[in-house]
Amino acid sequence: MTEQLPEKMVELPEKTRAFLAGLRLDELKTLEAIIEMPAEDVREGFRMVRDMRTVGKFMRWLLLSMIALFVGSIMLYENIQKAIGYLKGGPAP
């Protein structure tokens, strides 16, 4: 079994070998745990992470848009007040 292991590593692409060689011990344990899980559970986990990132991006842009809308409405209100004051003749001396 140990004789086949180096042979299998040689068959792997160079990028894959470099990736596997650079893994830390905790990362290897995570990969081993993922391998033991059913494939559908792994797919669901990756989908869930992807969906959570998508929702996070959406919420960030939603919050930024709400702040921009708030600040923009305040600026619009102030400028409308200035325009109305200008049309009425401005402050009396």
PDB file of N, CA and C in Angstrom:
ATOM      1  N   MET A   1       0.820  -1.186   0.000  1.00  0.00           N
ATOM      2  CA  MET A   1       0.000   0.000   0.000  1.00  0.00           C
ATOM      3  C   MET A   1       0.869   1.257   0.000  1.00  0.00           C
ATOM      4  N   THR A   2       1.935   1.273   0.817  1.00  0.00           N
ATOM      5  CA  THR A   2       2.795   2.453   0.859  1.00  0.00           C
ATOM      6  C   THR A   2       3.599   2.601  -0.419  1.00  0.00           C
ATOM      7  N   GLU A   3       3.823   1.479  -1.131  1.00  0.00           N
ATOM      8  CA  GLU A   3       4.548   1.566  -2.393  1.00  0.00           C
ATOM      9  C   GLU A   3       3.696   2.234  -3.458  1.00  0.00           C
ATOM     10  N   GLN A   4       2.389   2.084  -3.382  1.00  0.00           N
ATOM     11  CA  GLN A   4       1.501   2.681  -4.375  1.00  0.00           C
ATOM     12  C   GLN A   4       1.307   4.179  -4.134  1.00  0.00           C
ATOM     13  N   LEU A   5       1.459   4.618  -2.911  1.00  0.00           N
ATOM     14  CA  LEU A   5       1.200   6.017  -2.581  1.00  0.00           C
ATOM     15  C   LEU A   5       2.099   6.982  -3.356  1.00  0.00           C
ATOM     16  N   PRO A   6       3.424   6.806  -3.365  1.00  0.00           N
ATOM     17  CA  PRO A   6       4.242   7.728  -4.157  1.00  0.00           C
ATOM     18  C   PRO A   6       3.910   7.655  -5.642  1.00  0.00           C
ATOM     19  N   GLU A   7       3.574   6.463  -6.119  1.00  0.00           N
ATOM     20  CA  GLU A   7       3.226   6.322  -7.530  1.00  0.00           C
ATOM     21  C   GLU A   7       1.963   7.119  -7.849  1.00  0.00           C
ATOM     22  N   LYS A   8       0.993   7.096  -6.941  1.00  0.00           N
ATOM     23  CA  LYS A   8      -0.230   7.869  -7.152  1.00  0.00           C
ATOM     24  C   LYS A   8       0.059   9.366  -7.114  1.00  0.00           C
ATOM     25  N   MET A   9       0.976   9.778  -6.250  1.00  0.00           N
ATOM     26  CA  MET A   9       1.316  11.198  -6.177  1.00  0.00           C
ATOM     27  C   MET A   9       1.986  11.669  -7.466  1.00  0.00           C
ATOM     28  N   VAL A  10       2.772  10.798  -8.094  1.00  0.00           N
ATOM     29  CA  VAL A  10       3.440  11.162  -9.340  1.00  0.00           C
ATOM     30  C   VAL A  10       2.415  11.348 -10.450  1.00  0.00           C
ATOM     31  N   GLU A  11       1.330  10.590 -10.413  1.00  0.00           N
ATOM     32  CA  GLU A  11       0.298  10.682 -11.443  1.00  0.00           C
ATOM     33  C   GLU A  11      -0.508  11.974 -11.347  1.00  0.00           C
ATOM     34  N   LEU A  12      -0.479  12.616 -10.189  1.00  0.00           N
ATOM     35  CA  LEU A  12      -1.255  13.845 -10.008  1.00  0.00           C
ATOM     36  C   LEU A  12      -0.611  15.010 -10.750  1.00  0.00           C
ATOM     37  N   PRO A  13      -1.423  15.975 -11.172  1.00  0.00           N
ATOM     38  CA  PRO A  13      -0.846  17.180 -11.793  1.00  0.00           C
ATOM     39  C   PRO A  13       0.024  17.949 -10.795  1.00  0.00           C
ATOM     40  N   GLU A  14       0.938  18.724 -11.321  1.00  0.00           N
ATOM     41  CA  GLU A  14       1.893  19.460 -10.483  1.00  0.00           C
ATOM     42  C   GLU A  14       1.183  20.410  -9.518  1.00  0.00           C
ATOM     43  N   LYS A  15       0.143  21.097  -9.992  1.00  0.00           N
ATOM     44  CA  LYS A  15      -0.581  22.036  -9.122  1.00  0.00           C
ATOM     45  C   LYS A  15      -1.238  21.303  -7.957  1.00  0.00           C
ATOM     46  N   THR A  16      -1.770  20.113  -8.219  1.00  0.00           N
ATOM     47  CA  THR A  16      -2.422  19.335  -7.166  1.00  0.00           C
ATOM     48  C   THR A  16      -1.400  18.876  -6.141  1.00  0.00           C
ATOM     49  N   ARG A  17      -0.250  18.411  -6.605  1.00  0.00           N
ATOM     50  CA  ARG A  17       0.799  17.983  -5.678  1.00  0.00           C
ATOM     51  C   ARG A  17       1.278  19.148  -4.815  1.00  0.00           C
ATOM     52  N   ALA A  18       1.437  20.327  -5.423  1.00  0.00           N
ATOM     53  CA  ALA A  18       1.873  21.499  -4.662  1.00  0.00           C
ATOM     54  C   ALA A  18       0.814  21.889  -3.630  1.00  0.00           C
ATOM     55  N   PHE A  19      -0.457  21.784  -4.011  1.00  0.00           N
ATOM     56  CA  PHE A  19      -1.545  22.103  -3.086  1.00  0.00           C
ATOM     57  C   PHE A  19      -1.543  21.147  -1.901  1.00  0.00           C
ATOM     58  N   LEU A  20      -1.447  19.857  -2.175  1.00  0.00           N
ATOM     59  CA  LEU A  20      -1.461  18.862  -1.104  1.00  0.00           C
ATOM     60  C   LEU A  20      -0.225  18.971  -0.214  1.00  0.00           C
ATOM     61  N   ALA A  21       0.911  19.307  -0.798  1.00  0.00           N
ATOM     62  CA  ALA A  21       2.139  19.431  -0.009  1.00  0.00           C
ATOM     63  C   ALA A  21       2.084  20.643   0.920  1.00  0.00           C
ATOM     64  N   GLY A  22       1.311  21.661   0.551  1.00  0.00           N
ATOM     65  CA  GLY A  22       1.240  22.874   1.358  1.00  0.00           C
ATOM     66  C   GLY A  22       0.176  22.860   2.436  1.00  0.00           C
ATOM     67  N   LEU A  23      -0.570  21.764   2.560  1.00  0.00           N
ATOM     68  CA  LEU A  23      -1.645  21.711   3.556  1.00  0.00           C
ATOM     69  C   LEU A  23      -1.092  21.540   4.964  1.00  0.00           C
ATOM     70  N   ARG A  24      -1.749  22.209   5.913  1.00  0.00           N
ATOM     71  CA  ARG A  24      -1.403  22.041   7.327  1.00  0.00           C
ATOM     72  C   ARG A  24      -2.142  20.818   7.868  1.00  0.00           C
ATOM     73  N   LEU A  25      -1.790  20.414   9.079  1.00  0.00           N
ATOM     74  CA  LEU A  25      -2.379  19.222   9.683  1.00  0.00           C
ATOM     75  C   LEU A  25      -3.884  19.380   9.883  1.00  0.00           C
ATOM     76  N   ASP A  26      -4.322  20.544  10.348  1.00  0.00           N
ATOM     77  CA  ASP A  26      -5.759  20.740  10.570  1.00  0.00           C
ATOM     78  C   ASP A  26      -6.531  20.748   9.251  1.00  0.00           C
ATOM     79  N   GLU A  27      -5.903  21.241   8.192  1.00  0.00           N
ATOM     80  CA  GLU A  27      -6.552  21.221   6.880  1.00  0.00           C
ATOM     81  C   GLU A  27      -6.683  19.788   6.359  1.00  0.00           C
ATOM     82  N   LEU A  28      -5.670  18.969   6.616  1.00  0.00           N
ATOM     83  CA  LEU A  28      -5.754  17.562   6.222  1.00  0.00           C
ATOM     84  C   LEU A  28      -6.872  16.849   6.973  1.00  0.00           C
ATOM     85  N   LYS A  29      -7.021  17.145   8.264  1.00  0.00           N
ATOM     86  CA  LYS A  29      -8.101  16.535   9.047  1.00  0.00           C
ATOM     87  C   LYS A  29      -9.462  16.957   8.507  1.00  0.00           C
ATOM     88  N   THR A  30      -9.573  18.212   8.104  1.00  0.00           N
ATOM     89  CA  THR A  30     -10.833  18.691   7.524  1.00  0.00           C
ATOM     90  C   THR A  30     -11.135  17.959   6.225  1.00  0.00           C
ATOM     91  N   LEU A  31     -10.129  17.810   5.371  1.00  0.00           N
ATOM     92  CA  LEU A  31     -10.337  17.079   4.112  1.00  0.00           C
ATOM     93  C   LEU A  31     -10.718  15.625   4.369  1.00  0.00           C
ATOM     94  N   GLU A  32     -10.093  15.004   5.357  1.00  0.00           N
ATOM     95  CA  GLU A  32     -10.436  13.618   5.685  1.00  0.00           C
ATOM     96  C   GLU A  32     -11.875  13.523   6.175  1.00  0.00           C
ATOM     97  N   ALA A  33     -12.311  14.493   6.968  1.00  0.00           N
ATOM     98  CA  ALA A  33     -13.695  14.490   7.454  1.00  0.00           C
ATOM     99  C   ALA A  33     -14.673  14.700   6.304  1.00  0.00           C
ATOM    100  N   ILE A  34     -14.317  15.548   5.358  1.00  0.00           N
ATOM    101  CA  ILE A  34     -15.188  15.790   4.205  1.00  0.00           C
ATOM    102  C   ILE A  34     -15.292  14.546   3.342  1.00  0.00           C
ATOM    103  N   ILE A  35     -14.190  13.822   3.202  1.00  0.00           N
ATOM    104  CA  ILE A  35     -14.192  12.609   2.378  1.00  0.00           C
ATOM    105  C   ILE A  35     -15.130  11.561   2.959  1.00  0.00           C
ATOM    106  N   GLU A  36     -15.217  11.492   4.287  1.00  0.00           N
ATOM    107  CA  GLU A  36     -16.064  10.486   4.932  1.00  0.00           C
ATOM    108  C   GLU A  36     -17.548  10.835   4.852  1.00  0.00           C
ATOM    109  N   MET A  37     -17.875  12.100   4.605  1.00  0.00           N
ATOM    110  CA  MET A  37     -19.278  12.523   4.557  1.00  0.00           C
ATOM    111  C   MET A  37     -19.905  12.112   3.228  1.00  0.00           C
ATOM    112  N   PRO A  38     -21.232  11.935   3.222  1.00  0.00           N
ATOM    113  CA  PRO A  38     -21.908  11.665   1.943  1.00  0.00           C
ATOM    114  C   PRO A  38     -21.743  12.851   0.989  1.00  0.00           C
ATOM    115  N   ALA A  39     -21.660  12.553  -0.293  1.00  0.00           N
ATOM    116  CA  ALA A  39     -21.400  13.586  -1.294  1.00  0.00           C
ATOM    117  C   ALA A  39     -22.484  14.660  -1.296  1.00  0.00           C
ATOM    118  N   GLU A  40     -23.723  14.258  -1.088  1.00  0.00           N
ATOM    119  CA  GLU A  40     -24.819  15.237  -1.103  1.00  0.00           C
ATOM    120  C   GLU A  40     -24.692  16.222   0.060  1.00  0.00           C
ATOM    121  N   ASP A  41     -24.261  15.749   1.224  1.00  0.00           N
ATOM    122  CA  ASP A  41     -24.071  16.643   2.368  1.00  0.00           C
ATOM    123  C   ASP A  41     -22.955  17.653   2.099  1.00  0.00           C
ATOM    124  N   VAL A  42     -21.907  17.202   1.442  1.00  0.00           N
ATOM    125  CA  VAL A  42     -20.793  18.100   1.118  1.00  0.00           C
ATOM    126  C   VAL A  42     -21.266  19.168   0.138  1.00  0.00           C
ATOM    127  N   ARG A  43     -22.019  18.742  -0.886  1.00  0.00           N
ATOM    128  CA  ARG A  43     -22.552  19.706  -1.856  1.00  0.00           C
ATOM    129  C   ARG A  43     -23.455  20.723  -1.174  1.00  0.00           C
ATOM    130  N   GLU A  44     -24.308  20.247  -0.279  1.00  0.00           N
ATOM    131  CA  GLU A  44     -25.218  21.145   0.445  1.00  0.00           C
ATOM    132  C   GLU A  44     -24.432  22.136   1.305  1.00  0.00           C
ATOM    133  N   GLY A  45     -23.364  21.669   1.928  1.00  0.00           N
ATOM    134  CA  GLY A  45     -22.539  22.564   2.743  1.00  0.00           C
ATOM    135  C   GLY A  45     -21.899  23.659   1.910  1.00  0.00           C
ATOM    136  N   PHE A  46     -21.355  23.288   0.751  1.00  0.00           N
ATOM    137  CA  PHE A  46     -20.747  24.289  -0.119  1.00  0.00           C
ATOM    138  C   PHE A  46     -21.793  25.249  -0.668  1.00  0.00           C
ATOM    139  N   ARG A  47     -22.972  24.732  -1.012  1.00  0.00           N
ATOM    140  CA  ARG A  47     -24.059  25.603  -1.478  1.00  0.00           C
ATOM    141  C   ARG A  47     -24.468  26.588  -0.393  1.00  0.00           C
ATOM    142  N   MET A  48     -24.544  26.088   0.843  1.00  0.00           N
ATOM    143  CA  MET A  48     -24.945  26.947   1.953  1.00  0.00           C
ATOM    144  C   MET A  48     -23.927  28.075   2.160  1.00  0.00           C
ATOM    145  N   VAL A  49     -22.655  27.754   2.102  1.00  0.00           N
ATOM    146  CA  VAL A  49     -21.621  28.778   2.258  1.00  0.00           C
ATOM    147  C   VAL A  49     -21.707  29.788   1.123  1.00  0.00           C
ATOM    148  N   ARG A  50     -21.871  29.311  -0.102  1.00  0.00           N
ATOM    149  CA  ARG A  50     -21.992  30.207  -1.254  1.00  0.00           C
ATOM    150  C   ARG A  50     -23.214  31.111  -1.112  1.00  0.00           C
ATOM    151  N   ASP A  51     -24.340  30.538  -0.693  1.00  0.00           N
ATOM    152  CA  ASP A  51     -25.563  31.325  -0.529  1.00  0.00           C
ATOM    153  C   ASP A  51     -25.424  32.350   0.585  1.00  0.00           C
ATOM    154  N   MET A  52     -24.744  31.978   1.666  1.00  0.00           N
ATOM    155  CA  MET A  52     -24.545  32.928   2.766  1.00  0.00           C
ATOM    156  C   MET A  52     -23.669  34.098   2.322  1.00  0.00           C
ATOM    157  N   ARG A  53     -22.677  33.829   1.510  1.00  0.00           N
ATOM    158  CA  ARG A  53     -21.834  34.908   0.989  1.00  0.00           C
ATOM    159  C   ARG A  53     -22.637  35.823   0.078  1.00  0.00           C
ATOM    160  N   THR A  54     -23.515  35.228  -0.734  1.00  0.00           N
ATOM    161  CA  THR A  54     -24.363  36.025  -1.620  1.00  0.00           C
ATOM    162  C   THR A  54     -25.300  36.914  -0.813  1.00  0.00           C
ATOM    163  N   VAL A  55     -25.921  36.361   0.204  1.00  0.00           N
ATOM    164  CA  VAL A  55     -26.819  37.144   1.056  1.00  0.00           C
ATOM    165  C   VAL A  55     -26.034  38.240   1.770  1.00  0.00           C
ATOM    166  N   GLY A  56     -24.835  37.944   2.213  1.00  0.00           N
ATOM    167  CA  GLY A  56     -23.999  38.954   2.862  1.00  0.00           C
ATOM    168  C   GLY A  56     -23.687  40.121   1.935  1.00  0.00           C
ATOM    169  N   LYS A  57     -23.356  39.823   0.688  1.00  0.00           N
ATOM    170  CA  LYS A  57     -23.097  40.888  -0.285  1.00  0.00           C
ATOM    171  C   LYS A  57     -24.355  41.716  -0.525  1.00  0.00           C
ATOM    172  N   PHE A  58     -25.495  41.034  -0.647  1.00  0.00           N
ATOM    173  CA  PHE A  58     -26.754  41.739  -0.867  1.00  0.00           C
ATOM    174  C   PHE A  58     -27.064  42.661   0.308  1.00  0.00           C
ATOM    175  N   MET A  59     -26.907  42.161   1.528  1.00  0.00           N
ATOM    176  CA  MET A  59     -27.208  42.970   2.710  1.00  0.00           C
ATOM    177  C   MET A  59     -26.263  44.169   2.808  1.00  0.00           C
ATOM    178  N   ARG A  60     -25.012  43.980   2.451  1.00  0.00           N
ATOM    179  CA  ARG A  60     -24.055  45.090   2.480  1.00  0.00           C
ATOM    180  C   ARG A  60     -24.491  46.189   1.514  1.00  0.00           C
ATOM    181  N   TRP A  61     -24.863  45.802   0.279  1.00  0.00           N
ATOM    182  CA  TRP A  61     -25.298  46.792  -0.700  1.00  0.00           C
ATOM    183  C   TRP A  61     -26.637  47.408  -0.322  1.00  0.00           C
ATOM    184  N   LEU A  62     -27.505  46.634   0.303  1.00  0.00           N
ATOM    185  CA  LEU A  62     -28.784  47.171   0.758  1.00  0.00           C
ATOM    186  C   LEU A  62     -28.563  48.234   1.831  1.00  0.00           C
ATOM    187  N   LEU A  63     -27.707  47.955   2.792  1.00  0.00           N
ATOM    188  CA  LEU A  63     -27.410  48.919   3.853  1.00  0.00           C
ATOM    189  C   LEU A  63     -26.760  50.171   3.279  1.00  0.00           C
ATOM    190  N   LEU A  64     -25.808  49.990   2.377  1.00  0.00           N
ATOM    191  CA  LEU A  64     -25.149  51.131   1.755  1.00  0.00           C
ATOM    192  C   LEU A  64     -26.147  51.971   0.962  1.00  0.00           C
ATOM    193  N   SER A  65     -27.059  51.326   0.265  1.00  0.00           N
ATOM    194  CA  SER A  65     -28.080  52.047  -0.500  1.00  0.00           C
ATOM    195  C   SER A  65     -29.021  52.812   0.415  1.00  0.00           C
ATOM    196  N   MET A  66     -29.392  52.219   1.536  1.00  0.00           N
ATOM    197  CA  MET A  66     -30.283  52.898   2.486  1.00  0.00           C
ATOM    198  C   MET A  66     -29.604  54.146   3.059  1.00  0.00           C
ATOM    199  N   ILE A  67     -28.331  54.038   3.398  1.00  0.00           N
ATOM    200  CA  ILE A  67     -27.599  55.195   3.925  1.00  0.00           C
ATOM    201  C   ILE A  67     -27.501  56.280   2.858  1.00  0.00           C
ATOM    202  N   ALA A  68     -27.184  55.884   1.619  1.00  0.00           N
ATOM    203  CA  ALA A  68     -27.081  56.855   0.528  1.00  0.00           C
ATOM    204  C   ALA A  68     -28.431  57.517   0.261  1.00  0.00           C
ATOM    205  N   LEU A  69     -29.505  56.763   0.317  1.00  0.00           N
ATOM    206  CA  LEU A  69     -30.843  57.322   0.119  1.00  0.00           C
ATOM    207  C   LEU A  69     -31.179  58.315   1.227  1.00  0.00           C
ATOM    208  N   PHE A  70     -30.842  57.989   2.451  1.00  0.00           N
ATOM    209  CA  PHE A  70     -31.096  58.881   3.585  1.00  0.00           C
ATOM    210  C   PHE A  70     -30.327  60.192   3.427  1.00  0.00           C
ATOM    211  N   VAL A  71     -29.031  60.097   3.157  1.00  0.00           N
ATOM    212  CA  VAL A  71     -28.207  61.297   3.006  1.00  0.00           C
ATOM    213  C   VAL A  71     -28.665  62.105   1.792  1.00  0.00           C
ATOM    214  N   GLY A  72     -28.977  61.424   0.697  1.00  0.00           N
ATOM    215  CA  GLY A  72     -29.446  62.116  -0.502  1.00  0.00           C
ATOM    216  C   GLY A  72     -30.762  62.835  -0.282  1.00  0.00           C
ATOM    217  N   SER A  73     -31.674  62.229   0.462  1.00  0.00           N
ATOM    218  CA  SER A  73     -32.959  62.883   0.717  1.00  0.00           C
ATOM    219  C   SER A  73     -32.777  64.111   1.602  1.00  0.00           C
ATOM    220  N   ILE A  74     -31.866  64.058   2.552  1.00  0.00           N
ATOM    221  CA  ILE A  74     -31.587  65.237   3.386  1.00  0.00           C
ATOM    222  C   ILE A  74     -31.019  66.364   2.528  1.00  0.00           C
ATOM    223  N   MET A  75     -30.092  66.035   1.643  1.00  0.00           N
ATOM    224  CA  MET A  75     -29.505  67.054   0.775  1.00  0.00           C
ATOM    225  C   MET A  75     -30.556  67.644  -0.160  1.00  0.00           C
ATOM    226  N   LEU A  76     -31.425  66.810  -0.698  1.00  0.00           N
ATOM    227  CA  LEU A  76     -32.487  67.288  -1.580  1.00  0.00           C
ATOM    228  C   LEU A  76     -33.437  68.212  -0.820  1.00  0.00           C
ATOM    229  N   TYR A  77     -33.806  67.846   0.388  1.00  0.00           N
ATOM    230  CA  TYR A  77     -34.702  68.666   1.215  1.00  0.00           C
ATOM    231  C   TYR A  77     -34.085  70.044   1.484  1.00  0.00           C
ATOM    232  N   GLU A  78     -32.806  70.068   1.827  1.00  0.00           N
ATOM    233  CA  GLU A  78     -32.142  71.347   2.097  1.00  0.00           C
ATOM    234  C   GLU A  78     -32.098  72.221   0.855  1.00  0.00           C
ATOM    235  N   ASN A  79     -31.808  71.631  -0.295  1.00  0.00           N
ATOM    236  CA  ASN A  79     -31.730  72.419  -1.522  1.00  0.00           C
ATOM    237  C   ASN A  79     -33.104  72.894  -1.975  1.00  0.00           C
ATOM    238  N   ILE A  80     -34.140  72.119  -1.742  1.00  0.00           N
ATOM    239  CA  ILE A  80     -35.496  72.571  -2.063  1.00  0.00           C
ATOM    240  C   ILE A  80     -35.857  73.758  -1.177  1.00  0.00           C
ATOM    241  N   GLN A  81     -35.492  73.701   0.099  1.00  0.00           N
ATOM    242  CA  GLN A  81     -35.744  74.831   0.998  1.00  0.00           C
ATOM    243  C   GLN A  81     -35.001  76.083   0.528  1.00  0.00           C
ATOM    244  N   LYS A  82     -33.766  75.930   0.082  1.00  0.00           N
ATOM    245  CA  LYS A  82     -33.000  77.067  -0.427  1.00  0.00           C
ATOM    246  C   LYS A  82     -33.663  77.654  -1.668  1.00  0.00           C
ATOM    247  N   ALA A  83     -34.132  76.793  -2.573  1.00  0.00           N
ATOM    248  CA  ALA A  83     -34.779  77.264  -3.799  1.00  0.00           C
ATOM    249  C   ALA A  83     -36.076  77.999  -3.476  1.00  0.00           C
ATOM    250  N   ILE A  84     -36.864  77.493  -2.558  1.00  0.00           N
ATOM    251  CA  ILE A  84     -38.109  78.161  -2.167  1.00  0.00           C
ATOM    252  C   ILE A  84     -37.793  79.508  -1.522  1.00  0.00           C
ATOM    253  N   GLY A  85     -36.787  79.557  -0.681  1.00  0.00           N
ATOM    254  CA  GLY A  85     -36.375  80.824  -0.064  1.00  0.00           C
ATOM    255  C   GLY A  85     -35.904  81.822  -1.098  1.00  0.00           C
ATOM    256  N   TYR A  86     -35.194  81.356  -2.113  1.00  0.00           N
ATOM    257  CA  TYR A  86     -34.723  82.242  -3.175  1.00  0.00           C
ATOM    258  C   TYR A  86     -35.897  82.784  -3.975  1.00  0.00           C
ATOM    259  N   LEU A  87     -36.878  81.936  -4.284  1.00  0.00           N
ATOM    260  CA  LEU A  87     -38.042  82.363  -5.057  1.00  0.00           C
ATOM    261  C   LEU A  87     -38.920  83.335  -4.270  1.00  0.00           C
ATOM    262  N   LYS A  88     -38.961  83.237  -2.979  1.00  0.00           N
ATOM    263  CA  LYS A  88     -39.761  84.143  -2.145  1.00  0.00           C
ATOM    264  C   LYS A  88     -39.048  85.475  -1.925  1.00  0.00           C
ATOM    265  N   GLY A  89     -37.848  85.596  -2.332  1.00  0.00           N
ATOM    266  CA  GLY A  89     -37.142  86.865  -2.208  1.00  0.00           C
ATOM    267  C   GLY A  89     -36.044  86.873  -1.172  1.00  0.00           C
ATOM    268  N   GLY A  90     -35.806  85.792  -0.526  1.00  0.00           N
ATOM    269  CA  GLY A  90     -34.726  85.729   0.444  1.00  0.00           C
ATOM    270  C   GLY A  90     -35.096  86.379   1.755  1.00  0.00           C
ATOM    271  N   PRO A  91     -34.164  86.432   2.678  1.00  0.00           N
ATOM    272  CA  PRO A  91     -34.453  87.012   3.996  1.00  0.00           C
ATOM    273  C   PRO A  91     -34.614  88.530   3.902  1.00  0.00           C
ATOM    274  N   ALA A  92     -35.498  89.064   4.719  1.00  0.00           N
ATOM    275  CA  ALA A  92     -35.723  90.518   4.742  1.00  0.00           C
ATOM    276  C   ALA A  92     -34.600  91.200   5.516  1.00  0.00           C
ATOM    277  N   PRO A  93     -34.105  92.346   4.995  1.00  0.00           N
ATOM    278  CA  PRO A  93     -33.002  93.025   5.695  1.00  0.00           C
ATOM    279  C   PRO A  93     -33.432  93.720   6.961  1.00  0.00           C
TER     280      PRO A  93
END
